[in-house]
Amino acid sequence: MIFDYYTVEIVPVTLACWNTIVALLGALFLMWFLLWWI
């Protein structure tokens, strides 16, 4: 029961945080890439 609660609560939050971090890194890399080309 505890394991199920842990899986249901933690996994979606972890995935959401990871997606946010990846999106931020992607945006920073894109900005750096554009500035480098200008």
PDB file of N, CA and C in Angstrom:
ATOM      1  N   MET A   1       0.837  -1.198   0.000  1.00  0.00           N
ATOM      2  CA  MET A   1       0.000   0.000   0.000  1.00  0.00           C
ATOM      3  C   MET A   1       0.876   1.254   0.000  1.00  0.00           C
ATOM      4  N   ILE A   2       1.890   1.264   0.849  1.00  0.00           N
ATOM      5  CA  ILE A   2       2.801   2.406   0.905  1.00  0.00           C
ATOM      6  C   ILE A   2       3.567   2.532  -0.411  1.00  0.00           C
ATOM      7  N   PHE A   3       3.979   1.389  -0.967  1.00  0.00           N
ATOM      8  CA  PHE A   3       4.732   1.407  -2.219  1.00  0.00           C
ATOM      9  C   PHE A   3       3.869   1.959  -3.350  1.00  0.00           C
ATOM     10  N   ASP A   4       2.582   1.554  -3.374  1.00  0.00           N
ATOM     11  CA  ASP A   4       1.683   2.047  -4.410  1.00  0.00           C
ATOM     12  C   ASP A   4       1.509   3.564  -4.291  1.00  0.00           C
ATOM     13  N   TYR A   5       1.343   4.048  -3.063  1.00  0.00           N
ATOM     14  CA  TYR A   5       1.193   5.486  -2.839  1.00  0.00           C
ATOM     15  C   TYR A   5       2.453   6.220  -3.278  1.00  0.00           C
ATOM     16  N   TYR A   6       3.606   5.661  -2.939  1.00  0.00           N
ATOM     17  CA  TYR A   6       4.884   6.267  -3.313  1.00  0.00           C
ATOM     18  C   TYR A   6       5.004   6.346  -4.830  1.00  0.00           C
ATOM     19  N   THR A   7       4.654   5.261  -5.510  1.00  0.00           N
ATOM     20  CA  THR A   7       4.762   5.221  -6.968  1.00  0.00           C
ATOM     21  C   THR A   7       3.808   6.218  -7.616  1.00  0.00           C
ATOM     22  N   VAL A   8       2.569   6.258  -7.124  1.00  0.00           N
ATOM     23  CA  VAL A   8       1.555   7.132  -7.724  1.00  0.00           C
ATOM     24  C   VAL A   8       1.872   8.604  -7.484  1.00  0.00           C
ATOM     25  N   GLU A   9       2.430   8.929  -6.307  1.00  0.00           N
ATOM     26  CA  GLU A   9       2.664  10.330  -5.968  1.00  0.00           C
ATOM     27  C   GLU A   9       4.007  10.845  -6.473  1.00  0.00           C
ATOM     28  N   ILE A  10       5.058  10.049  -6.335  1.00  0.00           N
ATOM     29  CA  ILE A  10       6.414  10.539  -6.610  1.00  0.00           C
ATOM     30  C   ILE A  10       6.748  10.530  -8.100  1.00  0.00           C
ATOM     31  N   VAL A  11       6.368   9.467  -8.792  1.00  0.00           N
ATOM     32  CA  VAL A  11       6.760   9.329 -10.200  1.00  0.00           C
ATOM     33  C   VAL A  11       6.243  10.482 -11.069  1.00  0.00           C
ATOM     34  N   PRO A  12       4.951  10.830 -11.006  1.00  0.00           N
ATOM     35  CA  PRO A  12       4.481  11.945 -11.851  1.00  0.00           C
ATOM     36  C   PRO A  12       5.173  13.268 -11.515  1.00  0.00           C
ATOM     37  N   VAL A  13       5.418  13.510 -10.231  1.00  0.00           N
ATOM     38  CA  VAL A  13       6.093  14.747  -9.822  1.00  0.00           C
ATOM     39  C   VAL A  13       7.517  14.766 -10.357  1.00  0.00           C
ATOM     40  N   THR A  14       8.201  13.624 -10.256  1.00  0.00           N
ATOM     41  CA  THR A  14       9.573  13.536 -10.747  1.00  0.00           C
ATOM     42  C   THR A  14       9.619  13.767 -12.255  1.00  0.00           C
ATOM     43  N   LEU A  15       8.679  13.157 -12.979  1.00  0.00           N
ATOM     44  CA  LEU A  15       8.644  13.332 -14.429  1.00  0.00           C
ATOM     45  C   LEU A  15       8.345  14.786 -14.791  1.00  0.00           C
ATOM     46  N   ALA A  16       7.433  15.410 -14.056  1.00  0.00           N
ATOM     47  CA  ALA A  16       7.093  16.807 -14.329  1.00  0.00           C
ATOM     48  C   ALA A  16       8.301  17.702 -14.089  1.00  0.00           C
ATOM     49  N   CYS A  17       9.015  17.475 -12.987  1.00  0.00           N
ATOM     50  CA  CYS A  17      10.205  18.277 -12.680  1.00  0.00           C
ATOM     51  C   CYS A  17      11.274  18.058 -13.744  1.00  0.00           C
ATOM     52  N   TRP A  18      11.470  16.796 -14.146  1.00  0.00           N
ATOM     53  CA  TRP A  18      12.477  16.491 -15.157  1.00  0.00           C
ATOM     54  C   TRP A  18      12.134  17.173 -16.476  1.00  0.00           C
ATOM     55  N   ASN A  19      10.845  17.133 -16.871  1.00  0.00           N
ATOM     56  CA  ASN A  19      10.428  17.777 -18.116  1.00  0.00           C
ATOM     57  C   ASN A  19      10.663  19.282 -18.051  1.00  0.00           C
ATOM     58  N   THR A  20      10.415  19.874 -16.887  1.00  0.00           N
ATOM     59  CA  THR A  20      10.634  21.312 -16.719  1.00  0.00           C
ATOM     60  C   THR A  20      12.109  21.653 -16.850  1.00  0.00           C
ATOM     61  N   ILE A  21      12.964  20.841 -16.207  1.00  0.00           N
ATOM     62  CA  ILE A  21      14.408  21.073 -16.268  1.00  0.00           C
ATOM     63  C   ILE A  21      14.905  20.936 -17.705  1.00  0.00           C
ATOM     64  N   VAL A  22      14.437  19.896 -18.398  1.00  0.00           N
ATOM     65  CA  VAL A  22      14.851  19.682 -19.785  1.00  0.00           C
ATOM     66  C   VAL A  22      14.398  20.850 -20.660  1.00  0.00           C
ATOM     67  N   ALA A  23      13.181  21.336 -20.428  1.00  0.00           N
ATOM     68  CA  ALA A  23      12.665  22.455 -21.218  1.00  0.00           C
ATOM     69  C   ALA A  23      13.500  23.714 -20.982  1.00  0.00           C
ATOM     70  N   LEU A  24      13.853  23.967 -19.716  1.00  0.00           N
ATOM     71  CA  LEU A  24      14.667  25.143 -19.407  1.00  0.00           C
ATOM     72  C   LEU A  24      16.047  25.031 -20.037  1.00  0.00           C
ATOM     73  N   LEU A  25      16.662  23.860 -19.938  1.00  0.00           N
ATOM     74  CA  LEU A  25      17.986  23.671 -20.534  1.00  0.00           C
ATOM     75  C   LEU A  25      17.911  23.820 -22.049  1.00  0.00           C
ATOM     76  N   GLY A  26      16.848  23.292 -22.645  1.00  0.00           N
ATOM     77  CA  GLY A  26      16.666  23.411 -24.084  1.00  0.00           C
ATOM     78  C   GLY A  26      16.520  24.864 -24.511  1.00  0.00           C
ATOM     79  N   ALA A  27      15.768  25.639 -23.718  1.00  0.00           N
ATOM     80  CA  ALA A  27      15.573  27.052 -24.035  1.00  0.00           C
ATOM     81  C   ALA A  27      16.891  27.816 -23.914  1.00  0.00           C
ATOM     82  N   LEU A  28      17.649  27.541 -22.847  1.00  0.00           N
ATOM     83  CA  LEU A  28      18.939  28.214 -22.665  1.00  0.00           C
ATOM     84  C   LEU A  28      19.900  27.855 -23.790  1.00  0.00           C
ATOM     85  N   PHE A  29      19.926  26.576 -24.173  1.00  0.00           N
ATOM     86  CA  PHE A  29      20.815  26.147 -25.247  1.00  0.00           C
ATOM     87  C   PHE A  29      20.422  26.808 -26.562  1.00  0.00           C
ATOM     88  N   LEU A  30      19.112  26.925 -26.815  1.00  0.00           N
ATOM     89  CA  LEU A  30      18.640  27.552 -28.046  1.00  0.00           C
ATOM     90  C   LEU A  30      19.018  29.029 -28.080  1.00  0.00           C
ATOM     91  N   MET A  31      18.857  29.720 -26.935  1.00  0.00           N
ATOM     92  CA  MET A  31      19.239  31.134 -26.859  1.00  0.00           C
ATOM     93  C   MET A  31      20.733  31.296 -27.097  1.00  0.00           C
ATOM     94  N   TRP A  32      21.543  30.430 -26.449  1.00  0.00           N
ATOM     95  CA  TRP A  32      22.995  30.501 -26.623  1.00  0.00           C
ATOM     96  C   TRP A  32      23.360  30.235 -28.072  1.00  0.00           C
ATOM     97  N   PHE A  33      22.698  29.272 -28.700  1.00  0.00           N
ATOM     98  CA  PHE A  33      22.983  28.921 -30.086  1.00  0.00           C
ATOM     99  C   PHE A  33      22.673  30.096 -31.011  1.00  0.00           C
ATOM    100  N   LEU A  34      21.522  30.746 -30.779  1.00  0.00           N
ATOM    101  CA  LEU A  34      21.153  31.888 -31.615  1.00  0.00           C
ATOM    102  C   LEU A  34      22.126  33.045 -31.422  1.00  0.00           C
ATOM    103  N   LEU A  35      22.503  33.317 -30.170  1.00  0.00           N
ATOM    104  CA  LEU A  35      23.449  34.408 -29.911  1.00  0.00           C
ATOM    105  C   LEU A  35      24.808  34.106 -30.528  1.00  0.00           C
ATOM    106  N   TRP A  36      25.184  32.819 -30.521  1.00  0.00           N
ATOM    107  CA  TRP A  36      26.474  32.438 -31.092  1.00  0.00           C
ATOM    108  C   TRP A  36      26.475  32.642 -32.600  1.00  0.00           C
ATOM    109  N   TRP A  37      25.325  32.407 -33.237  1.00  0.00           N
ATOM    110  CA  TRP A  37      25.256  32.559 -34.686  1.00  0.00           C
ATOM    111  C   TRP A  37      25.179  34.016 -35.110  1.00  0.00           C
ATOM    112  N   ILE A  38      24.636  34.886 -34.239  1.00  0.00           N
ATOM    113  CA  ILE A  38      24.476  36.300 -34.625  1.00  0.00           C
ATOM    114  C   ILE A  38      25.827  37.011 -34.682  1.00  0.00           C
TER     115      ILE A  38
END
